[in-house]
Amino acid sequence: MEKWLKSLKDKTAAAKIKVRIRRMQEGNFGDVKPVGSGVSEMRIHCGKGYRVYFVNRNNEIVILLCGGDKDTQQTDIKIAKELANKWG
């Protein structure tokens, strides 16, 4: 997740994603929808339509799995589900 975030060329989008993650830490998840297998997608409305995939365990721990954009959405969801399954 961190590697993906650092690799973004759009630094404005990267900053907005970091703000959204901080808000998530405070309990404000914003624009989120489930994508299956316990994985949810947080949509960030800037740039290429970035997404952050995560699982919420026992309403206490959020595990960030991976990120991507609208163009790679289906592949990213598949990867996120595999990671969520791996980490049980």
PDB file of N, CA and C in Angstrom:
ATOM      1  N   MET A   1       0.831  -1.194   0.000  1.00  0.00           N
ATOM      2  CA  MET A   1       0.000   0.000   0.000  1.00  0.00           C
ATOM      3  C   MET A   1       0.867   1.246   0.000  1.00  0.00           C
ATOM      4  N   GLU A   2       1.827   1.307   0.923  1.00  0.00           N
ATOM      5  CA  GLU A   2       2.693   2.481   1.029  1.00  0.00           C
ATOM      6  C   GLU A   2       3.537   2.657  -0.231  1.00  0.00           C
ATOM      7  N   LYS A   3       4.007   1.550  -0.776  1.00  0.00           N
ATOM      8  CA  LYS A   3       4.812   1.592  -2.006  1.00  0.00           C
ATOM      9  C   LYS A   3       3.991   2.186  -3.152  1.00  0.00           C
ATOM     10  N   TRP A   4       2.732   1.753  -3.271  1.00  0.00           N
ATOM     11  CA  TRP A   4       1.856   2.281  -4.312  1.00  0.00           C
ATOM     12  C   TRP A   4       1.652   3.782  -4.123  1.00  0.00           C
ATOM     13  N   LEU A   5       1.392   4.191  -2.905  1.00  0.00           N
ATOM     14  CA  LEU A   5       1.133   5.599  -2.619  1.00  0.00           C
ATOM     15  C   LEU A   5       2.338   6.463  -2.970  1.00  0.00           C
ATOM     16  N   LYS A   6       3.526   5.995  -2.627  1.00  0.00           N
ATOM     17  CA  LYS A   6       4.744   6.748  -2.941  1.00  0.00           C
ATOM     18  C   LYS A   6       5.033   6.784  -4.435  1.00  0.00           C
ATOM     19  N   SER A   7       4.537   5.798  -5.171  1.00  0.00           N
ATOM     20  CA  SER A   7       4.810   5.727  -6.609  1.00  0.00           C
ATOM     21  C   SER A   7       3.914   6.645  -7.442  1.00  0.00           C
ATOM     22  N   LEU A   8       2.876   7.207  -6.838  1.00  0.00           N
ATOM     23  CA  LEU A   8       1.959   8.065  -7.594  1.00  0.00           C
ATOM     24  C   LEU A   8       2.673   9.316  -8.089  1.00  0.00           C
ATOM     25  N   LYS A   9       2.516   9.595  -9.370  1.00  0.00           N
ATOM     26  CA  LYS A   9       3.125  10.800  -9.949  1.00  0.00           C
ATOM     27  C   LYS A   9       2.308  12.044  -9.621  1.00  0.00           C
ATOM     28  N   ASP A  10       1.019  11.868  -9.441  1.00  0.00           N
ATOM     29  CA  ASP A  10       0.124  12.975  -9.101  1.00  0.00           C
ATOM     30  C   ASP A  10       0.223  13.223  -7.593  1.00  0.00           C
ATOM     31  N   LYS A  11       1.081  14.142  -7.211  1.00  0.00           N
ATOM     32  CA  LYS A  11       1.337  14.401  -5.785  1.00  0.00           C
ATOM     33  C   LYS A  11       0.126  15.019  -5.084  1.00  0.00           C
ATOM     34  N   THR A  12      -0.690  15.766  -5.827  1.00  0.00           N
ATOM     35  CA  THR A  12      -1.912  16.324  -5.244  1.00  0.00           C
ATOM     36  C   THR A  12      -2.866  15.194  -4.868  1.00  0.00           C
ATOM     37  N   ALA A  13      -3.014  14.234  -5.764  1.00  0.00           N
ATOM     38  CA  ALA A  13      -3.870  13.081  -5.477  1.00  0.00           C
ATOM     39  C   ALA A  13      -3.314  12.288  -4.302  1.00  0.00           C
ATOM     40  N   ALA A  14      -2.003  12.092  -4.260  1.00  0.00           N
ATOM     41  CA  ALA A  14      -1.379  11.353  -3.153  1.00  0.00           C
ATOM     42  C   ALA A  14      -1.674  12.039  -1.823  1.00  0.00           C
ATOM     43  N   ALA A  15      -1.593  13.365  -1.807  1.00  0.00           N
ATOM     44  CA  ALA A  15      -1.880  14.115  -0.580  1.00  0.00           C
ATOM     45  C   ALA A  15      -3.343  13.938  -0.171  1.00  0.00           C
ATOM     46  N   LYS A  16      -4.259  13.968  -1.140  1.00  0.00           N
ATOM     47  CA  LYS A  16      -5.680  13.789  -0.835  1.00  0.00           C
ATOM     48  C   LYS A  16      -5.961  12.380  -0.314  1.00  0.00           C
ATOM     49  N   ILE A  17      -5.273  11.397  -0.868  1.00  0.00           N
ATOM     50  CA  ILE A  17      -5.443  10.020  -0.401  1.00  0.00           C
ATOM     51  C   ILE A  17      -4.973   9.902   1.044  1.00  0.00           C
ATOM     52  N   LYS A  18      -3.846  10.526   1.359  1.00  0.00           N
ATOM     53  CA  LYS A  18      -3.328  10.497   2.737  1.00  0.00           C
ATOM     54  C   LYS A  18      -4.311  11.152   3.705  1.00  0.00           C
ATOM     55  N   VAL A  19      -4.926  12.249   3.280  1.00  0.00           N
ATOM     56  CA  VAL A  19      -5.927  12.921   4.121  1.00  0.00           C
ATOM     57  C   VAL A  19      -7.114  11.989   4.360  1.00  0.00           C
ATOM     58  N   ARG A  20      -7.568  11.305   3.306  1.00  0.00           N
ATOM     59  CA  ARG A  20      -8.700  10.381   3.459  1.00  0.00           C
ATOM     60  C   ARG A  20      -8.365   9.237   4.410  1.00  0.00           C
ATOM     61  N   ILE A  21      -7.115   8.743   4.342  1.00  0.00           N
ATOM     62  CA  ILE A  21      -6.698   7.672   5.247  1.00  0.00           C
ATOM     63  C   ILE A  21      -6.685   8.183   6.688  1.00  0.00           C
ATOM     64  N   ARG A  22      -6.214   9.417   6.887  1.00  0.00           N
ATOM     65  CA  ARG A  22      -6.233  10.005   8.238  1.00  0.00           C
ATOM     66  C   ARG A  22      -7.663  10.137   8.752  1.00  0.00           C
ATOM     67  N   ARG A  23      -8.561  10.569   7.883  1.00  0.00           N
ATOM     68  CA  ARG A  23      -9.972  10.692   8.282  1.00  0.00           C
ATOM     69  C   ARG A  23     -10.551   9.326   8.642  1.00  0.00           C
ATOM     70  N   MET A  24     -10.143   8.313   7.894  1.00  0.00           N
ATOM     71  CA  MET A  24     -10.584   6.952   8.190  1.00  0.00           C
ATOM     72  C   MET A  24     -10.123   6.545   9.589  1.00  0.00           C
ATOM     73  N   GLN A  25      -8.901   6.912   9.943  1.00  0.00           N
ATOM     74  CA  GLN A  25      -8.368   6.601  11.273  1.00  0.00           C
ATOM     75  C   GLN A  25      -9.205   7.251  12.369  1.00  0.00           C
ATOM     76  N   GLU A  26      -9.833   8.371  12.047  1.00  0.00           N
ATOM     77  CA  GLU A  26     -10.671   9.091  13.006  1.00  0.00           C
ATOM     78  C   GLU A  26     -12.119   8.598  12.986  1.00  0.00           C
ATOM     79  N   GLY A  27     -12.414   7.609  12.136  1.00  0.00           N
ATOM     80  CA  GLY A  27     -13.753   7.045  12.077  1.00  0.00           C
ATOM     81  C   GLY A  27     -14.631   7.584  10.970  1.00  0.00           C
ATOM     82  N   ASN A  28     -14.122   8.518  10.172  1.00  0.00           N
ATOM     83  CA  ASN A  28     -14.882   9.090   9.063  1.00  0.00           C
ATOM     84  C   ASN A  28     -14.447   8.409   7.767  1.00  0.00           C
ATOM     85  N   PHE A  29     -15.204   7.396   7.349  1.00  0.00           N
ATOM     86  CA  PHE A  29     -14.820   6.606   6.183  1.00  0.00           C
ATOM     87  C   PHE A  29     -15.201   7.263   4.861  1.00  0.00           C
ATOM     88  N   GLY A  30     -16.169   8.147   4.867  1.00  0.00           N
ATOM     89  CA  GLY A  30     -16.539   8.852   3.642  1.00  0.00           C
ATOM     90  C   GLY A  30     -17.164   7.936   2.601  1.00  0.00           C
ATOM     91  N   ASP A  31     -16.798   8.129   1.337  1.00  0.00           N
ATOM     92  CA  ASP A  31     -17.377   7.415   0.201  1.00  0.00           C
ATOM     93  C   ASP A  31     -16.780   6.009   0.107  1.00  0.00           C
ATOM     94  N   VAL A  32     -17.489   5.045   0.689  1.00  0.00           N
ATOM     95  CA  VAL A  32     -17.014   3.662   0.779  1.00  0.00           C
ATOM     96  C   VAL A  32     -18.132   2.731   0.348  1.00  0.00           C
ATOM     97  N   LYS A  33     -17.766   1.656  -0.351  1.00  0.00           N
ATOM     98  CA  LYS A  33     -18.754   0.636  -0.682  1.00  0.00           C
ATOM     99  C   LYS A  33     -18.096  -0.736  -0.615  1.00  0.00           C
ATOM    100  N   PRO A  34     -18.858  -1.754  -0.207  1.00  0.00           N
ATOM    101  CA  PRO A  34     -18.315  -3.113  -0.165  1.00  0.00           C
ATOM    102  C   PRO A  34     -18.157  -3.658  -1.581  1.00  0.00           C
ATOM    103  N   VAL A  35     -17.088  -4.450  -1.790  1.00  0.00           N
ATOM    104  CA  VAL A  35     -16.859  -5.060  -3.104  1.00  0.00           C
ATOM    105  C   VAL A  35     -16.843  -6.585  -3.018  1.00  0.00           C
ATOM    106  N   GLY A  36     -17.129  -7.129  -1.826  1.00  0.00           N
ATOM    107  CA  GLY A  36     -17.221  -8.573  -1.651  1.00  0.00           C
ATOM    108  C   GLY A  36     -16.085  -9.149  -0.831  1.00  0.00           C
ATOM    109  N   SER A  37     -16.325 -10.311  -0.257  1.00  0.00           N
ATOM    110  CA  SER A  37     -15.340 -11.046   0.554  1.00  0.00           C
ATOM    111  C   SER A  37     -14.815 -10.234   1.728  1.00  0.00           C
ATOM    112  N   GLY A  38     -15.646  -9.330   2.249  1.00  0.00           N
ATOM    113  CA  GLY A  38     -15.238  -8.514   3.390  1.00  0.00           C
ATOM    114  C   GLY A  38     -14.383  -7.316   3.040  1.00  0.00           C
ATOM    115  N   VAL A  39     -14.117  -7.119   1.755  1.00  0.00           N
ATOM    116  CA  VAL A  39     -13.282  -6.007   1.289  1.00  0.00           C
ATOM    117  C   VAL A  39     -14.178  -4.831   0.930  1.00  0.00           C
ATOM    118  N   SER A  40     -13.724  -3.632   1.289  1.00  0.00           N
ATOM    119  CA  SER A  40     -14.436  -2.404   0.923  1.00  0.00           C
ATOM    120  C   SER A  40     -13.523  -1.513   0.103  1.00  0.00           C
ATOM    121  N   GLU A  41     -14.160  -0.651  -0.674  1.00  0.00           N
ATOM    122  CA  GLU A  41     -13.448   0.268  -1.560  1.00  0.00           C
ATOM    123  C   GLU A  41     -13.742   1.698  -1.122  1.00  0.00           C
ATOM    124  N   MET A  42     -12.698   2.454  -0.825  1.00  0.00           N
ATOM    125  CA  MET A  42     -12.843   3.870  -0.514  1.00  0.00           C
ATOM    126  C   MET A  42     -12.510   4.639  -1.790  1.00  0.00           C
ATOM    127  N   ARG A  43     -13.463   5.409  -2.267  1.00  0.00           N
ATOM    128  CA  ARG A  43     -13.260   6.155  -3.507  1.00  0.00           C
ATOM    129  C   ARG A  43     -12.792   7.572  -3.202  1.00  0.00           C
ATOM    130  N   ILE A  44     -11.751   7.982  -3.917  1.00  0.00           N
ATOM    131  CA  ILE A  44     -11.208   9.330  -3.776  1.00  0.00           C
ATOM    132  C   ILE A  44     -11.474  10.045  -5.097  1.00  0.00           C
ATOM    133  N   HIS A  45     -12.279  11.078  -5.043  1.00  0.00           N
ATOM    134  CA  HIS A  45     -12.718  11.759  -6.259  1.00  0.00           C
ATOM    135  C   HIS A  45     -11.730  12.846  -6.667  1.00  0.00           C
ATOM    136  N   CYS A  46     -10.615  12.408  -7.229  1.00  0.00           N
ATOM    137  CA  CYS A  46      -9.642  13.342  -7.788  1.00  0.00           C
ATOM    138  C   CYS A  46      -8.795  12.584  -8.798  1.00  0.00           C
ATOM    139  N   GLY A  47      -8.183  13.311  -9.686  1.00  0.00           N
ATOM    140  CA  GLY A  47      -7.288  12.686 -10.657  1.00  0.00           C
ATOM    141  C   GLY A  47      -7.961  11.573 -11.437  1.00  0.00           C
ATOM    142  N   LYS A  48      -7.349  10.402 -11.409  1.00  0.00           N
ATOM    143  CA  LYS A  48      -7.794   9.250 -12.188  1.00  0.00           C
ATOM    144  C   LYS A  48      -8.901   8.449 -11.507  1.00  0.00           C
ATOM    145  N   GLY A  49      -9.454   8.969 -10.432  1.00  0.00           N
ATOM    146  CA  GLY A  49     -10.484   8.230  -9.705  1.00  0.00           C
ATOM    147  C   GLY A  49      -9.862   7.148  -8.850  1.00  0.00           C
ATOM    148  N   TYR A  50      -9.043   7.562  -7.913  1.00  0.00           N
ATOM    149  CA  TYR A  50      -8.280   6.625  -7.094  1.00  0.00           C
ATOM    150  C   TYR A  50      -9.163   5.882  -6.108  1.00  0.00           C
ATOM    151  N   ARG A  51      -8.716   4.660  -5.770  1.00  0.00           N
ATOM    152  CA  ARG A  51      -9.418   3.808  -4.821  1.00  0.00           C
ATOM    153  C   ARG A  51      -8.422   3.214  -3.839  1.00  0.00           C
ATOM    154  N   VAL A  52      -8.870   3.012  -2.610  1.00  0.00           N
ATOM    155  CA  VAL A  52      -8.084   2.324  -1.588  1.00  0.00           C
ATOM    156  C   VAL A  52      -8.956   1.180  -1.083  1.00  0.00           C
ATOM    157  N   TYR A  53      -8.389  -0.013  -1.056  1.00  0.00           N
ATOM    158  CA  TYR A  53      -9.124  -1.208  -0.642  1.00  0.00           C
ATOM    159  C   TYR A  53      -8.689  -1.618   0.754  1.00  0.00           C
ATOM    160  N   PHE A  54      -9.661  -2.012   1.568  1.00  0.00           N
ATOM    161  CA  PHE A  54      -9.366  -2.331   2.966  1.00  0.00           C
ATOM    162  C   PHE A  54     -10.361  -3.338   3.514  1.00  0.00           C
ATOM    163  N   VAL A  55      -9.998  -3.922   4.647  1.00  0.00           N
ATOM    164  CA  VAL A  55     -10.923  -4.755   5.421  1.00  0.00           C
ATOM    165  C   VAL A  55     -11.023  -4.153   6.810  1.00  0.00           C
ATOM    166  N   ASN A  56     -12.179  -4.315   7.404  1.00  0.00           N
ATOM    167  CA  ASN A  56     -12.439  -3.817   8.749  1.00  0.00           C
ATOM    168  C   ASN A  56     -12.652  -5.028   9.639  1.00  0.00           C
ATOM    169  N   ARG A  57     -11.782  -5.214  10.606  1.00  0.00           N
ATOM    170  CA  ARG A  57     -11.861  -6.367  11.504  1.00  0.00           C
ATOM    171  C   ARG A  57     -12.452  -5.950  12.847  1.00  0.00           C
ATOM    172  N   ASN A  58     -13.584  -6.540  13.192  1.00  0.00           N
ATOM    173  CA  ASN A  58     -14.240  -6.313  14.489  1.00  0.00           C
ATOM    174  C   ASN A  58     -14.530  -4.840  14.762  1.00  0.00           C
ATOM    175  N   ASN A  59     -14.743  -4.061  13.734  1.00  0.00           N
ATOM    176  CA  ASN A  59     -15.014  -2.625  13.867  1.00  0.00           C
ATOM    177  C   ASN A  59     -13.952  -1.900  14.683  1.00  0.00           C
ATOM    178  N   GLU A  60     -12.758  -2.452  14.761  1.00  0.00           N
ATOM    179  CA  GLU A  60     -11.680  -1.829  15.522  1.00  0.00           C
ATOM    180  C   GLU A  60     -10.425  -1.630  14.695  1.00  0.00           C
ATOM    181  N   ILE A  61     -10.091  -2.603  13.865  1.00  0.00           N
ATOM    182  CA  ILE A  61      -8.842  -2.560  13.118  1.00  0.00           C
ATOM    183  C   ILE A  61      -9.157  -2.505  11.632  1.00  0.00           C
ATOM    184  N   VAL A  62      -8.568  -1.552  10.947  1.00  0.00           N
ATOM    185  CA  VAL A  62      -8.706  -1.447   9.503  1.00  0.00           C
ATOM    186  C   VAL A  62      -7.368  -1.824   8.894  1.00  0.00           C
ATOM    187  N   ILE A  63      -7.394  -2.764   7.962  1.00  0.00           N
ATOM    188  CA  ILE A  63      -6.178  -3.178   7.276  1.00  0.00           C
ATOM    189  C   ILE A  63      -6.246  -2.663   5.848  1.00  0.00           C
ATOM    190  N   LEU A  64      -5.329  -1.760   5.500  1.00  0.00           N
ATOM    191  CA  LEU A  64      -5.247  -1.256   4.135  1.00  0.00           C
ATOM    192  C   LEU A  64      -4.582  -2.329   3.286  1.00  0.00           C
ATOM    193  N   LEU A  65      -5.214  -2.702   2.191  1.00  0.00           N
ATOM    194  CA  LEU A  65      -4.724  -3.809   1.378  1.00  0.00           C
ATOM    195  C   LEU A  65      -3.941  -3.342   0.158  1.00  0.00           C
ATOM    196  N   CYS A  66      -4.545  -2.470  -0.640  1.00  0.00           N
ATOM    197  CA  CYS A  66      -3.887  -1.996  -1.852  1.00  0.00           C
ATOM    198  C   CYS A  66      -4.642  -0.789  -2.376  1.00  0.00           C
ATOM    199  N   GLY A  67      -4.103  -0.181  -3.400  1.00  0.00           N
ATOM    200  CA  GLY A  67      -4.735   0.976  -4.009  1.00  0.00           C
ATOM    201  C   GLY A  67      -4.635   0.892  -5.514  1.00  0.00           C
ATOM    202  N   GLY A  68      -5.396   1.729  -6.165  1.00  0.00           N
ATOM    203  CA  GLY A  68      -5.378   1.760  -7.620  1.00  0.00           C
ATOM    204  C   GLY A  68      -6.255   2.886  -8.114  1.00  0.00           C
ATOM    205  N   ASP A  69      -6.620   2.800  -9.387  1.00  0.00           N
ATOM    206  CA  ASP A  69      -7.514   3.808  -9.947  1.00  0.00           C
ATOM    207  C   ASP A  69      -8.607   3.115 -10.757  1.00  0.00           C
ATOM    208  N   LYS A  70      -9.469   3.900 -11.346  1.00  0.00           N
ATOM    209  CA  LYS A  70     -10.622   3.357 -12.065  1.00  0.00           C
ATOM    210  C   LYS A  70     -10.188   2.393 -13.170  1.00  0.00           C
ATOM    211  N   ASP A  71      -9.068   2.688 -13.840  1.00  0.00           N
ATOM    212  CA  ASP A  71      -8.602   1.845 -14.942  1.00  0.00           C
ATOM    213  C   ASP A  71      -8.200   0.444 -14.484  1.00  0.00           C
ATOM    214  N   THR A  72      -7.697   0.310 -13.274  1.00  0.00           N
ATOM    215  CA  THR A  72      -7.210  -0.984 -12.776  1.00  0.00           C
ATOM    216  C   THR A  72      -8.146  -1.579 -11.720  1.00  0.00           C
ATOM    217  N   GLN A  73      -9.343  -1.052 -11.630  1.00  0.00           N
ATOM    218  CA  GLN A  73     -10.267  -1.393 -10.549  1.00  0.00           C
ATOM    219  C   GLN A  73     -10.518  -2.895 -10.407  1.00  0.00           C
ATOM    220  N   GLN A  74     -10.851  -3.576 -11.475  1.00  0.00           N
ATOM    221  CA  GLN A  74     -11.184  -5.001 -11.366  1.00  0.00           C
ATOM    222  C   GLN A  74      -9.989  -5.833 -10.908  1.00  0.00           C
ATOM    223  N   THR A  75      -8.811  -5.532 -11.439  1.00  0.00           N
ATOM    224  CA  THR A  75      -7.591  -6.230 -11.014  1.00  0.00           C
ATOM    225  C   THR A  75      -7.288  -5.923  -9.557  1.00  0.00           C
ATOM    226  N   ASP A  76      -7.434  -4.664  -9.167  1.00  0.00           N
ATOM    227  CA  ASP A  76      -7.161  -4.257  -7.781  1.00  0.00           C
ATOM    228  C   ASP A  76      -8.103  -4.948  -6.800  1.00  0.00           C
ATOM    229  N   ILE A  77      -9.361  -5.077  -7.168  1.00  0.00           N
ATOM    230  CA  ILE A  77     -10.328  -5.756  -6.304  1.00  0.00           C
ATOM    231  C   ILE A  77      -9.927  -7.219  -6.127  1.00  0.00           C
ATOM    232  N   LYS A  78      -9.526  -7.858  -7.207  1.00  0.00           N
ATOM    233  CA  LYS A  78      -9.084  -9.258  -7.129  1.00  0.00           C
ATOM    234  C   LYS A  78      -7.884  -9.394  -6.192  1.00  0.00           C
ATOM    235  N   ILE A  79      -6.898  -8.507  -6.343  1.00  0.00           N
ATOM    236  CA  ILE A  79      -5.707  -8.530  -5.483  1.00  0.00           C
ATOM    237  C   ILE A  79      -6.098  -8.293  -4.026  1.00  0.00           C
ATOM    238  N   ALA A  80      -6.973  -7.311  -3.793  1.00  0.00           N
ATOM    239  CA  ALA A  80      -7.403  -6.995  -2.424  1.00  0.00           C
ATOM    240  C   ALA A  80      -8.089  -8.197  -1.776  1.00  0.00           C
ATOM    241  N   LYS A  81      -8.935  -8.886  -2.532  1.00  0.00           N
ATOM    242  CA  LYS A  81      -9.624 -10.065  -1.995  1.00  0.00           C
ATOM    243  C   LYS A  81      -8.630 -11.175  -1.670  1.00  0.00           C
ATOM    244  N   GLU A  82      -7.628 -11.362  -2.534  1.00  0.00           N
ATOM    245  CA  GLU A  82      -6.602 -12.380  -2.279  1.00  0.00           C
ATOM    246  C   GLU A  82      -5.815 -12.046  -1.014  1.00  0.00           C
ATOM    247  N   LEU A  83      -5.444 -10.772  -0.858  1.00  0.00           N
ATOM    248  CA  LEU A  83      -4.701 -10.353   0.337  1.00  0.00           C
ATOM    249  C   LEU A  83      -5.549 -10.513   1.598  1.00  0.00           C
ATOM    250  N   ALA A  84      -6.819 -10.140   1.507  1.00  0.00           N
ATOM    251  CA  ALA A  84      -7.713 -10.271   2.662  1.00  0.00           C
ATOM    252  C   ALA A  84      -7.848 -11.739   3.065  1.00  0.00           C
ATOM    253  N   ASN A  85      -7.952 -12.609   2.083  1.00  0.00           N
ATOM    254  CA  ASN A  85      -8.065 -14.045   2.356  1.00  0.00           C
ATOM    255  C   ASN A  85      -6.772 -14.582   2.971  1.00  0.00           C
ATOM    256  N   LYS A  86      -5.652 -14.102   2.476  1.00  0.00           N
ATOM    257  CA  LYS A  86      -4.342 -14.537   2.981  1.00  0.00           C
ATOM    258  C   LYS A  86      -4.160 -14.151   4.448  1.00  0.00           C
ATOM    259  N   TRP A  87      -4.620 -12.955   4.809  1.00  0.00           N
ATOM    260  CA  TRP A  87      -4.442 -12.450   6.168  1.00  0.00           C
ATOM    261  C   TRP A  87      -5.596 -12.827   7.088  1.00  0.00           C
ATOM    262  N   GLY A  88      -6.558 -13.576   6.518  1.00  0.00           N
ATOM    263  CA  GLY A  88      -7.656 -14.125   7.306  1.00  0.00           C
ATOM    264  C   GLY A  88      -8.422 -13.125   8.046  1.00  0.00           C
TER     265      GLY A  88
END
